[in-house]
Amino acid sequence: MLYKIKSRIYALGKKVNDLIPALKEKYGIVTNPSEISNSLSGNLQSPKAQDIVSYSNEIVTAWEIETEG
């Protein structure tokens, strides 16, 4: 878990599944709870999984900025 995304999500009071609609809306990535969890845990190493991790990091960073503001 390169970016510690799961722990950052929980610290914001959100759930990993909150990423699913954000990924679809912002990046057009359609995923499901199992795929996103396996991607964030490093159990999947496909190009899509790498995109999920990268884009999830961007989304969580934006959520953190919104929370700080």
N, C-alpha and C. Protein backbone atom coordinates (compact mmCIF):
# COMPACT_ATOMS: atom_id res chain seq x y z
N MET A 1 0.85 -1.17 0.00
CA MET A 1 0.00 0.00 0.00
C MET A 1 0.89 1.24 0.00
N LEU A 2 1.29 1.62 -1.16
CA LEU A 2 2.27 2.67 -1.35
C LEU A 2 1.88 3.99 -0.71
N TYR A 3 0.64 4.40 -0.88
CA TYR A 3 0.22 5.72 -0.42
C TYR A 3 -0.58 5.68 0.89
N LYS A 4 -0.72 4.48 1.49
CA LYS A 4 -1.51 4.30 2.70
C LYS A 4 -2.92 4.85 2.49
N ILE A 5 -3.48 4.57 1.34
CA ILE A 5 -4.77 5.13 0.95
C ILE A 5 -5.88 4.71 1.90
N LYS A 6 -5.93 3.43 2.24
CA LYS A 6 -7.01 2.96 3.11
C LYS A 6 -7.01 3.68 4.45
N SER A 7 -5.87 3.80 5.08
CA SER A 7 -5.82 4.46 6.38
C SER A 7 -6.17 5.94 6.26
N ARG A 8 -5.77 6.56 5.17
CA ARG A 8 -6.11 7.97 4.95
C ARG A 8 -7.61 8.16 4.76
N ILE A 9 -8.24 7.21 4.06
CA ILE A 9 -9.68 7.27 3.85
C ILE A 9 -10.41 7.17 5.19
N TYR A 10 -10.00 6.18 6.00
CA TYR A 10 -10.65 5.98 7.29
C TYR A 10 -10.44 7.19 8.21
N ALA A 11 -9.29 7.82 8.11
CA ALA A 11 -9.01 9.01 8.93
C ALA A 11 -9.95 10.17 8.57
N LEU A 12 -10.44 10.15 7.35
CA LEU A 12 -11.37 11.19 6.91
C LEU A 12 -12.83 10.84 7.24
N GLY A 13 -13.03 9.67 7.84
CA GLY A 13 -14.38 9.24 8.17
C GLY A 13 -15.14 8.70 6.97
N LYS A 14 -14.41 8.29 5.95
CA LYS A 14 -15.01 7.74 4.74
C LYS A 14 -14.71 6.26 4.65
N LYS A 15 -15.28 5.63 3.62
CA LYS A 15 -15.06 4.21 3.38
C LYS A 15 -14.40 4.05 2.01
N VAL A 16 -13.71 2.93 1.84
CA VAL A 16 -13.05 2.65 0.56
C VAL A 16 -14.07 2.67 -0.58
N ASN A 17 -15.27 2.18 -0.32
CA ASN A 17 -16.30 2.15 -1.36
C ASN A 17 -16.70 3.55 -1.82
N ASP A 18 -16.41 4.58 -1.06
CA ASP A 18 -16.69 5.95 -1.49
C ASP A 18 -15.84 6.34 -2.69
N LEU A 19 -14.77 5.61 -2.93
CA LEU A 19 -13.92 5.88 -4.10
C LEU A 19 -14.58 5.44 -5.40
N ILE A 20 -15.45 4.44 -5.33
CA ILE A 20 -16.01 3.85 -6.55
C ILE A 20 -16.72 4.88 -7.42
N PRO A 21 -17.68 5.64 -6.89
CA PRO A 21 -18.32 6.64 -7.76
C PRO A 21 -17.37 7.77 -8.17
N ALA A 22 -16.43 8.12 -7.31
CA ALA A 22 -15.47 9.18 -7.65
C ALA A 22 -14.57 8.74 -8.80
N LEU A 23 -14.12 7.49 -8.78
CA LEU A 23 -13.28 6.98 -9.87
C LEU A 23 -14.04 6.97 -11.19
N LYS A 24 -15.31 6.60 -11.14
CA LYS A 24 -16.11 6.56 -12.36
C LYS A 24 -16.37 7.96 -12.89
N GLU A 25 -16.73 8.86 -11.99
CA GLU A 25 -17.08 10.22 -12.39
C GLU A 25 -15.88 11.00 -12.92
N LYS A 26 -14.76 10.94 -12.22
CA LYS A 26 -13.61 11.76 -12.57
C LYS A 26 -12.70 11.15 -13.63
N TYR A 27 -12.62 9.80 -13.64
CA TYR A 27 -11.64 9.15 -14.52
C TYR A 27 -12.23 8.08 -15.42
N GLY A 28 -13.54 7.83 -15.32
CA GLY A 28 -14.18 6.84 -16.17
C GLY A 28 -13.81 5.40 -15.85
N ILE A 29 -13.30 5.16 -14.65
CA ILE A 29 -12.91 3.81 -14.25
C ILE A 29 -14.07 3.15 -13.54
N VAL A 30 -14.55 2.05 -14.12
CA VAL A 30 -15.62 1.27 -13.50
C VAL A 30 -14.97 0.13 -12.73
N THR A 31 -15.26 0.07 -11.45
CA THR A 31 -14.66 -0.95 -10.59
C THR A 31 -15.70 -1.44 -9.60
N ASN A 32 -15.31 -2.38 -8.78
CA ASN A 32 -16.20 -2.92 -7.76
C ASN A 32 -15.42 -3.01 -6.44
N PRO A 33 -16.13 -3.27 -5.33
CA PRO A 33 -15.44 -3.28 -4.04
C PRO A 33 -14.26 -4.26 -3.97
N SER A 34 -14.42 -5.44 -4.53
CA SER A 34 -13.34 -6.42 -4.49
C SER A 34 -12.12 -5.96 -5.27
N GLU A 35 -12.35 -5.45 -6.47
CA GLU A 35 -11.24 -5.01 -7.32
C GLU A 35 -10.50 -3.82 -6.70
N ILE A 36 -11.25 -2.88 -6.15
CA ILE A 36 -10.60 -1.71 -5.57
C ILE A 36 -9.80 -2.10 -4.33
N SER A 37 -10.36 -2.98 -3.50
CA SER A 37 -9.65 -3.42 -2.31
C SER A 37 -8.37 -4.17 -2.67
N ASN A 38 -8.46 -5.08 -3.62
CA ASN A 38 -7.28 -5.83 -4.04
C ASN A 38 -6.23 -4.93 -4.70
N SER A 39 -6.68 -3.92 -5.41
CA SER A 39 -5.75 -2.98 -6.04
C SER A 39 -5.00 -2.17 -4.98
N LEU A 40 -5.75 -1.65 -4.01
CA LEU A 40 -5.14 -0.82 -2.97
C LEU A 40 -4.23 -1.63 -2.05
N SER A 41 -4.52 -2.92 -1.92
CA SER A 41 -3.70 -3.78 -1.07
C SER A 41 -2.46 -4.30 -1.80
N GLY A 42 -2.42 -4.11 -3.11
CA GLY A 42 -1.29 -4.58 -3.89
C GLY A 42 -1.44 -6.00 -4.38
N ASN A 43 -2.62 -6.60 -4.18
CA ASN A 43 -2.85 -7.97 -4.62
C ASN A 43 -3.07 -8.06 -6.13
N LEU A 44 -3.47 -6.97 -6.75
CA LEU A 44 -3.60 -6.90 -8.22
C LEU A 44 -2.50 -6.00 -8.74
N GLN A 45 -1.88 -6.40 -9.83
CA GLN A 45 -0.77 -5.63 -10.40
C GLN A 45 -1.00 -5.29 -11.87
N SER A 46 -2.25 -5.28 -12.30
CA SER A 46 -2.56 -4.97 -13.70
C SER A 46 -2.46 -3.47 -13.94
N PRO A 47 -2.42 -3.06 -15.21
CA PRO A 47 -2.42 -1.62 -15.50
C PRO A 47 -3.64 -0.91 -14.91
N LYS A 48 -4.81 -1.57 -14.97
CA LYS A 48 -6.01 -0.95 -14.38
C LYS A 48 -5.84 -0.79 -12.88
N ALA A 49 -5.27 -1.79 -12.23
CA ALA A 49 -5.05 -1.71 -10.78
C ALA A 49 -4.10 -0.57 -10.44
N GLN A 50 -3.09 -0.38 -11.24
CA GLN A 50 -2.15 0.72 -11.03
C GLN A 50 -2.85 2.06 -11.21
N ASP A 51 -3.76 2.15 -12.19
CA ASP A 51 -4.54 3.36 -12.38
C ASP A 51 -5.45 3.61 -11.18
N ILE A 52 -6.07 2.56 -10.68
CA ILE A 52 -6.95 2.69 -9.51
C ILE A 52 -6.17 3.26 -8.33
N VAL A 53 -4.98 2.75 -8.10
CA VAL A 53 -4.17 3.23 -6.97
C VAL A 53 -3.77 4.69 -7.19
N SER A 54 -3.29 5.00 -8.37
CA SER A 54 -2.85 6.37 -8.65
C SER A 54 -3.99 7.38 -8.55
N TYR A 55 -5.10 7.06 -9.18
CA TYR A 55 -6.24 7.97 -9.16
C TYR A 55 -6.88 8.05 -7.77
N SER A 56 -6.89 6.93 -7.06
CA SER A 56 -7.42 6.95 -5.70
C SER A 56 -6.59 7.87 -4.81
N ASN A 57 -5.28 7.84 -4.99
CA ASN A 57 -4.42 8.74 -4.23
C ASN A 57 -4.77 10.20 -4.53
N GLU A 58 -5.00 10.52 -5.80
CA GLU A 58 -5.37 11.89 -6.16
C GLU A 58 -6.70 12.29 -5.53
N ILE A 59 -7.67 11.38 -5.55
CA ILE A 59 -8.98 11.66 -4.98
C ILE A 59 -8.88 11.88 -3.48
N VAL A 60 -8.16 11.00 -2.79
CA VAL A 60 -8.03 11.12 -1.34
C VAL A 60 -7.27 12.39 -0.97
N THR A 61 -6.26 12.74 -1.74
CA THR A 61 -5.54 13.99 -1.49
C THR A 61 -6.48 15.18 -1.62
N ALA A 62 -7.36 15.17 -2.63
CA ALA A 62 -8.33 16.25 -2.79
C ALA A 62 -9.30 16.28 -1.61
N TRP A 63 -9.74 15.12 -1.15
CA TRP A 63 -10.62 15.07 0.03
C TRP A 63 -9.91 15.65 1.25
N GLU A 64 -8.62 15.35 1.42
CA GLU A 64 -7.87 15.87 2.55
C GLU A 64 -7.76 17.39 2.48
N ILE A 65 -7.54 17.90 1.30
CA ILE A 65 -7.46 19.36 1.12
C ILE A 65 -8.79 20.03 1.44
N GLU A 66 -9.90 19.41 0.98
CA GLU A 66 -11.23 19.94 1.26
C GLU A 66 -11.50 19.95 2.76
N THR A 67 -11.06 18.92 3.45
CA THR A 67 -11.29 18.82 4.89
C THR A 67 -10.50 19.87 5.65
N GLU A 68 -9.28 20.16 5.19
CA GLU A 68 -8.44 21.16 5.84
C GLU A 68 -9.00 22.57 5.68
N GLY A 69 -9.61 22.81 4.52
CA GLY A 69 -10.10 24.15 4.20
C GLY A 69 -11.26 24.51 5.03
